[in-house]
């Protein structure tokens, strides 16, 4: 009787699906974000330690710029018109710019090229870290190395009599970030398109040429002939001028910012289109 009066709703038209239980998306999203951040920070630590523990890379990124600064300031062999500035005030911004180039371009290009040849990049790109996390870790690792460089070179310069203005230091950090973006993009383009052995030669040769004739250590207007105009269009010259403007005039040259942003966009686009992970 009861069963007849209250038939079981077995038909699909009478079956009422149970509404899905809401998931704690907020906590899970937070946990996922925290996990991604942890992975990126771990990769950042690995990238920085890989450079700083490598004797050859440490020589290029820290020791060579320090020796270059001491040599240029203490030795009178190189006769340069400093425009009324002391030699330490004249050369320190360029040496800092050179240090940014060594870590964000030369070291990063070589390390990434050999990681690519050995299959490390392809392996890491398929892990939960992902390609975006891997690239973020590389860029942040470069910034950590640059922090060490700036501290070592800056303290050396202070010991030699350098007294930078606080506002100039703040502006120089902007220049460092812009230069890092441009030269890291160049590093990824070179590392992702050439063989590792070729990258080793190209990166070191490019660093040498840019240091001598790229408007980094010596201002572009002191270079001979057409180089004085060409250097202003190069990321090296733009970075050098930005660092000198920050420390010597307390300004960030607009043209240098435009050049660095333009190179970052162009090189980043090229790296994104041409980079091969294996």
Protein backbone atom coordinates (compact mmCIF):
# COMPACT_ATOMS: atom_id res chain seq x y z
CA UNK A 1 0.00 0.00 0.00
CA UNK A 2 2.73 2.42 0.98
CA UNK A 3 4.80 1.40 -2.00
CA UNK A 4 1.84 1.90 -4.32
CA UNK A 5 1.06 5.34 -2.94
CA UNK A 6 4.74 6.40 -2.94
CA UNK A 7 6.37 4.80 -5.95
CA UNK A 8 10.15 5.04 -6.13
CA UNK A 9 11.25 7.70 -8.65
CA UNK A 10 13.21 5.46 -10.95
CA UNK A 11 12.62 7.17 -14.27
CA UNK A 12 15.13 9.62 -15.69
CA UNK A 13 12.49 12.30 -15.90
CA UNK A 14 11.81 12.06 -12.15
CA UNK A 15 15.39 11.51 -10.96
CA UNK A 16 16.75 14.76 -9.52
CA UNK A 17 20.50 15.04 -9.81
CA UNK A 18 22.28 16.04 -6.68
CA UNK A 19 23.86 19.47 -7.03
CA UNK A 20 27.63 19.38 -7.04
CA UNK A 21 29.30 20.14 -3.76
CA UNK A 22 31.14 23.43 -3.95
CA UNK A 23 34.89 22.97 -3.81
CA UNK A 24 37.15 25.12 -1.67
CA UNK A 25 38.60 26.76 -4.73
CA UNK A 26 40.10 29.62 -2.78
CA UNK A 27 42.31 27.45 -0.62
CA UNK A 28 43.24 25.18 -3.49
CA UNK A 29 44.06 28.11 -5.74
CA UNK A 30 46.16 29.58 -2.95
CA UNK A 31 47.94 26.25 -2.48
CA UNK A 32 48.55 26.00 -6.23
CA UNK A 33 49.88 29.53 -6.38
CA UNK A 34 52.09 28.83 -3.39
CA UNK A 35 53.39 25.66 -5.07
CA UNK A 36 54.21 27.51 -8.28
CA UNK A 37 55.96 30.23 -6.33
CA UNK A 38 57.95 27.64 -4.41
CA UNK A 39 59.01 25.91 -7.63
CA UNK A 40 60.05 29.18 -9.25
CA UNK A 41 62.03 30.22 -6.17
CA UNK A 42 63.74 26.84 -6.08
CA UNK A 43 64.71 27.24 -9.73
CA UNK A 44 65.90 30.79 -9.01
CA UNK A 45 68.15 29.50 -6.23
CA UNK A 46 69.50 26.78 -8.50
CA UNK A 47 70.25 29.20 -11.36
CA UNK A 48 72.03 31.67 -9.08
CA UNK A 49 74.09 28.99 -7.32
CA UNK A 50 75.01 27.39 -10.64
CA UNK A 51 76.63 30.64 -11.76
CA UNK A 52 78.21 31.66 -8.47
CA UNK A 53 79.65 28.19 -7.81
CA UNK A 54 81.14 27.92 -11.28
CA UNK A 55 84.69 29.24 -11.13
CA UNK A 56 84.77 30.22 -14.79
CA UNK A 57 81.42 32.02 -14.60
CA UNK A 58 82.40 33.70 -11.33
CA UNK A 59 85.56 34.96 -13.00
CA UNK A 60 83.57 36.53 -15.84
CA UNK A 61 80.73 37.95 -13.79
CA UNK A 62 82.53 39.29 -10.70
CA UNK A 63 86.31 39.10 -10.82
CA UNK A 64 86.84 40.59 -14.30
CA UNK A 65 84.62 43.67 -13.70
CA UNK A 66 86.33 44.34 -10.35
CA UNK A 67 89.79 44.04 -11.88
CA UNK A 68 88.73 46.26 -14.78
CA UNK A 69 87.48 48.91 -12.36
CA UNK A 70 90.65 48.87 -10.27
CA UNK A 71 92.84 48.94 -13.36
CA UNK A 72 90.99 51.81 -15.04
CA UNK A 73 90.94 53.90 -11.87
CA UNK A 74 94.45 53.24 -10.61
CA UNK A 75 96.41 52.99 -13.86
CA UNK A 76 97.21 56.14 -15.83
CA UNK A 77 98.10 54.27 -19.01
CA UNK A 78 94.67 54.94 -20.55
CA UNK A 79 94.33 58.66 -21.16
CA UNK A 80 90.62 59.48 -21.18
CA UNK A 81 88.93 62.84 -20.98
CA UNK A 82 86.67 62.42 -17.97
CA UNK A 83 84.94 65.77 -18.45
CA UNK A 84 86.01 67.06 -15.06
CA UNK A 85 84.89 63.95 -13.19
CA UNK A 86 87.20 61.85 -11.08
CA UNK A 87 88.22 58.58 -12.67
CA UNK A 88 86.19 56.56 -10.16
CA UNK A 89 83.04 58.60 -10.89
CA UNK A 90 83.66 58.33 -14.62
CA UNK A 91 84.31 54.60 -14.89
CA UNK A 92 82.12 53.01 -12.18
CA UNK A 93 78.75 53.34 -14.01
CA UNK A 94 80.19 51.70 -17.12
CA UNK A 95 81.72 48.86 -15.13
CA UNK A 96 78.37 48.22 -13.46
CA UNK A 97 76.74 48.15 -16.91
CA UNK A 98 79.38 45.68 -18.07
CA UNK A 99 78.63 43.48 -15.05
CA UNK A 100 74.93 43.41 -15.97
CA UNK A 101 75.87 42.30 -19.48
CA UNK A 102 78.12 39.49 -18.27
CA UNK A 103 75.45 37.92 -16.09
CA UNK A 104 72.30 38.55 -18.12
CA UNK A 105 73.81 37.82 -21.53
CA UNK A 106 77.10 35.92 -21.55
CA UNK A 107 76.61 33.63 -18.56
CA UNK A 108 72.92 33.05 -19.25
CA UNK A 109 73.41 32.33 -22.95
CA UNK A 110 76.19 29.80 -22.32
CA UNK A 111 74.43 28.06 -19.44
CA UNK A 112 71.11 27.83 -21.30
CA UNK A 113 72.76 26.61 -24.49
CA UNK A 114 74.50 23.71 -22.76
CA UNK A 115 71.36 22.90 -20.75
CA UNK A 116 69.50 22.76 -24.05
CA UNK A 117 72.12 20.50 -25.64
CA UNK A 118 72.07 18.14 -22.66
CA UNK A 119 68.27 17.92 -22.66
CA UNK A 120 67.87 19.74 -19.36
CA UNK A 121 65.62 22.46 -20.76
CA UNK A 122 63.33 19.97 -22.47
CA UNK A 123 63.08 17.91 -19.28
CA UNK A 124 62.36 20.89 -17.01
CA UNK A 125 59.80 22.31 -19.44
CA UNK A 126 57.67 19.16 -19.02
CA UNK A 127 57.72 19.22 -15.21
CA UNK A 128 55.19 21.12 -13.07
CA UNK A 129 57.63 24.03 -13.22
CA UNK A 130 56.70 24.52 -16.89
CA UNK A 131 58.33 26.71 -19.47
CA UNK A 132 57.06 29.92 -17.92
CA UNK A 133 58.33 28.94 -14.49
CA UNK A 134 61.68 27.92 -15.94
CA UNK A 135 62.13 31.26 -17.70
CA UNK A 136 61.00 33.15 -14.60
CA UNK A 137 63.53 31.24 -12.52
CA UNK A 138 66.29 32.08 -14.98
CA UNK A 139 65.48 35.80 -14.98
CA UNK A 140 65.23 35.95 -11.19
CA UNK A 141 68.46 33.97 -10.89
CA UNK A 142 70.17 36.57 -13.06
CA UNK A 143 68.85 39.34 -10.80
CA UNK A 144 70.26 37.56 -7.73
CA UNK A 145 73.67 37.31 -9.39
CA UNK A 146 73.48 40.96 -10.39
CA UNK A 147 72.73 41.90 -6.79
CA UNK A 148 75.96 40.16 -5.75
CA UNK A 149 77.84 41.90 -8.57
CA UNK A 150 76.53 45.34 -7.67
CA UNK A 151 77.40 44.86 -4.01
CA UNK A 152 80.95 43.65 -4.71
CA UNK A 153 81.69 46.25 -7.40
CA UNK A 154 79.96 49.02 -5.46
CA UNK A 155 81.89 48.30 -2.28
CA UNK A 156 85.13 48.18 -4.27
CA UNK A 157 84.30 51.54 -5.85
CA UNK A 158 83.46 53.05 -2.45
CA UNK A 159 86.82 51.84 -1.15
CA UNK A 160 88.40 53.67 -4.10
CA UNK A 161 86.58 56.91 -3.27
CA UNK A 162 83.21 56.62 -5.03
CA UNK A 163 80.35 58.44 -3.30
CA UNK A 164 77.14 57.93 -5.32
CA UNK A 165 74.01 59.96 -4.76
CA UNK A 166 71.06 58.03 -3.28
CA UNK A 167 68.69 59.23 -6.01
CA UNK A 168 71.17 58.12 -8.64
CA UNK A 169 71.31 54.68 -7.06
CA UNK A 170 67.50 54.41 -7.30
CA UNK A 171 67.53 55.42 -10.97
CA UNK A 172 70.33 52.97 -11.70
CA UNK A 173 68.14 50.11 -10.47
CA UNK A 174 65.62 50.97 -13.18
CA UNK A 175 68.43 50.97 -15.73
CA UNK A 176 69.62 47.58 -14.45
CA UNK A 177 66.14 46.09 -14.85
CA UNK A 178 65.80 47.46 -18.38
CA UNK A 179 69.25 46.21 -19.34
CA UNK A 180 68.61 42.81 -17.80
CA UNK A 181 65.41 42.42 -19.81
CA UNK A 182 67.14 43.31 -23.07
CA UNK A 183 70.23 41.16 -22.61
CA UNK A 184 68.36 38.18 -21.16
CA UNK A 185 66.14 38.25 -24.25
CA UNK A 186 69.27 38.29 -26.40
CA UNK A 187 70.72 35.40 -24.39
CA UNK A 188 67.59 33.29 -24.91
CA UNK A 189 67.57 34.04 -28.63
CA UNK A 190 71.20 33.02 -29.07
CA UNK A 191 70.97 29.99 -26.75
CA UNK A 192 67.81 28.72 -28.42
CA UNK A 193 68.98 28.93 -32.02
CA UNK A 194 72.71 28.11 -32.09
CA UNK A 195 74.73 25.06 -31.09
CA UNK A 196 76.21 25.20 -27.60
CA UNK A 197 79.78 25.41 -28.88
CA UNK A 198 78.83 28.27 -31.18
CA UNK A 199 77.09 30.09 -28.34
CA UNK A 200 80.25 29.81 -26.24
CA UNK A 201 82.25 31.60 -28.93
CA UNK A 202 79.58 34.10 -29.96
CA UNK A 203 78.69 35.18 -26.41
CA UNK A 204 82.30 35.81 -25.35
CA UNK A 205 83.19 37.56 -28.61
CA UNK A 206 80.08 39.74 -28.46
CA UNK A 207 80.86 40.73 -24.88
CA UNK A 208 84.40 41.71 -25.82
CA UNK A 209 83.32 43.78 -28.84
CA UNK A 210 80.51 45.52 -26.96
CA UNK A 211 82.80 46.28 -24.01
CA UNK A 212 85.37 47.90 -26.30
CA UNK A 213 83.24 49.59 -28.96
CA UNK A 214 79.66 49.34 -27.69
CA UNK A 215 79.51 52.46 -25.55
CA UNK A 216 79.52 50.57 -22.26
CA UNK A 217 82.63 51.60 -20.34
CA UNK A 218 83.45 54.65 -22.45
CA UNK A 219 80.62 56.99 -23.49
CA UNK A 220 79.48 56.76 -27.09
CA UNK A 221 80.58 60.32 -27.90
CA UNK A 222 84.19 59.36 -27.08
CA UNK A 223 84.21 56.58 -29.69
CA UNK A 224 85.76 57.25 -33.10
CA UNK A 225 83.79 57.97 -36.27
CA UNK A 226 80.50 56.17 -36.94
CA UNK A 227 80.84 54.13 -33.75
CA UNK A 228 79.80 57.18 -31.75
CA UNK A 229 76.38 57.07 -33.45
CA UNK A 230 76.05 53.30 -33.76
CA UNK A 231 76.72 52.69 -30.07
CA UNK A 232 73.69 54.77 -29.08
CA UNK A 233 71.47 52.36 -31.01
CA UNK A 234 72.90 49.25 -29.35
CA UNK A 235 71.55 47.86 -26.07
CA UNK A 236 75.08 48.09 -24.67
CA UNK A 237 75.37 51.79 -25.40
CA UNK A 238 71.86 52.47 -24.13
CA UNK A 239 72.60 50.67 -20.87
CA UNK A 240 75.92 52.46 -20.44
CA UNK A 241 74.32 55.85 -21.07
CA UNK A 242 71.46 55.04 -18.68
CA UNK A 243 73.87 54.12 -15.89
CA UNK A 244 76.01 57.20 -16.47
CA UNK A 245 72.94 59.42 -16.60
CA UNK A 246 71.67 57.96 -13.32
CA UNK A 247 74.91 58.37 -11.39
CA UNK A 248 76.45 61.44 -13.04
CA UNK A 249 73.44 63.63 -13.89
CA UNK A 250 70.70 62.16 -11.71
CA UNK A 251 68.47 61.49 -14.74
CA UNK A 252 67.47 58.51 -16.84
CA UNK A 253 67.95 59.40 -20.53
CA UNK A 254 64.68 58.92 -22.41
CA UNK A 255 66.46 57.71 -25.54
CA UNK A 256 68.23 54.96 -23.60
CA UNK A 257 64.92 53.78 -22.17
CA UNK A 258 63.35 53.70 -25.65
CA UNK A 259 66.29 51.74 -27.10
CA UNK A 260 66.33 49.18 -24.28
CA UNK A 261 62.56 48.65 -24.40
CA UNK A 262 62.70 48.34 -28.20
CA UNK A 263 65.49 45.76 -28.09
CA UNK A 264 63.67 43.82 -25.37
CA UNK A 265 60.49 43.67 -27.46
CA UNK A 266 62.29 42.69 -30.66
CA UNK A 267 64.61 40.12 -29.08
CA UNK A 268 61.84 38.71 -26.91
CA UNK A 269 59.63 38.26 -29.96
CA UNK A 270 62.47 36.57 -31.84
CA UNK A 271 63.27 34.26 -28.94
CA UNK A 272 59.61 33.33 -28.60
CA UNK A 273 59.35 32.44 -32.28
CA UNK A 274 62.71 30.77 -32.85
CA UNK A 275 63.69 29.21 -29.52
CA UNK A 276 64.13 25.43 -29.72
CA UNK A 277 63.88 23.52 -26.47
CA UNK A 278 65.90 20.53 -27.73
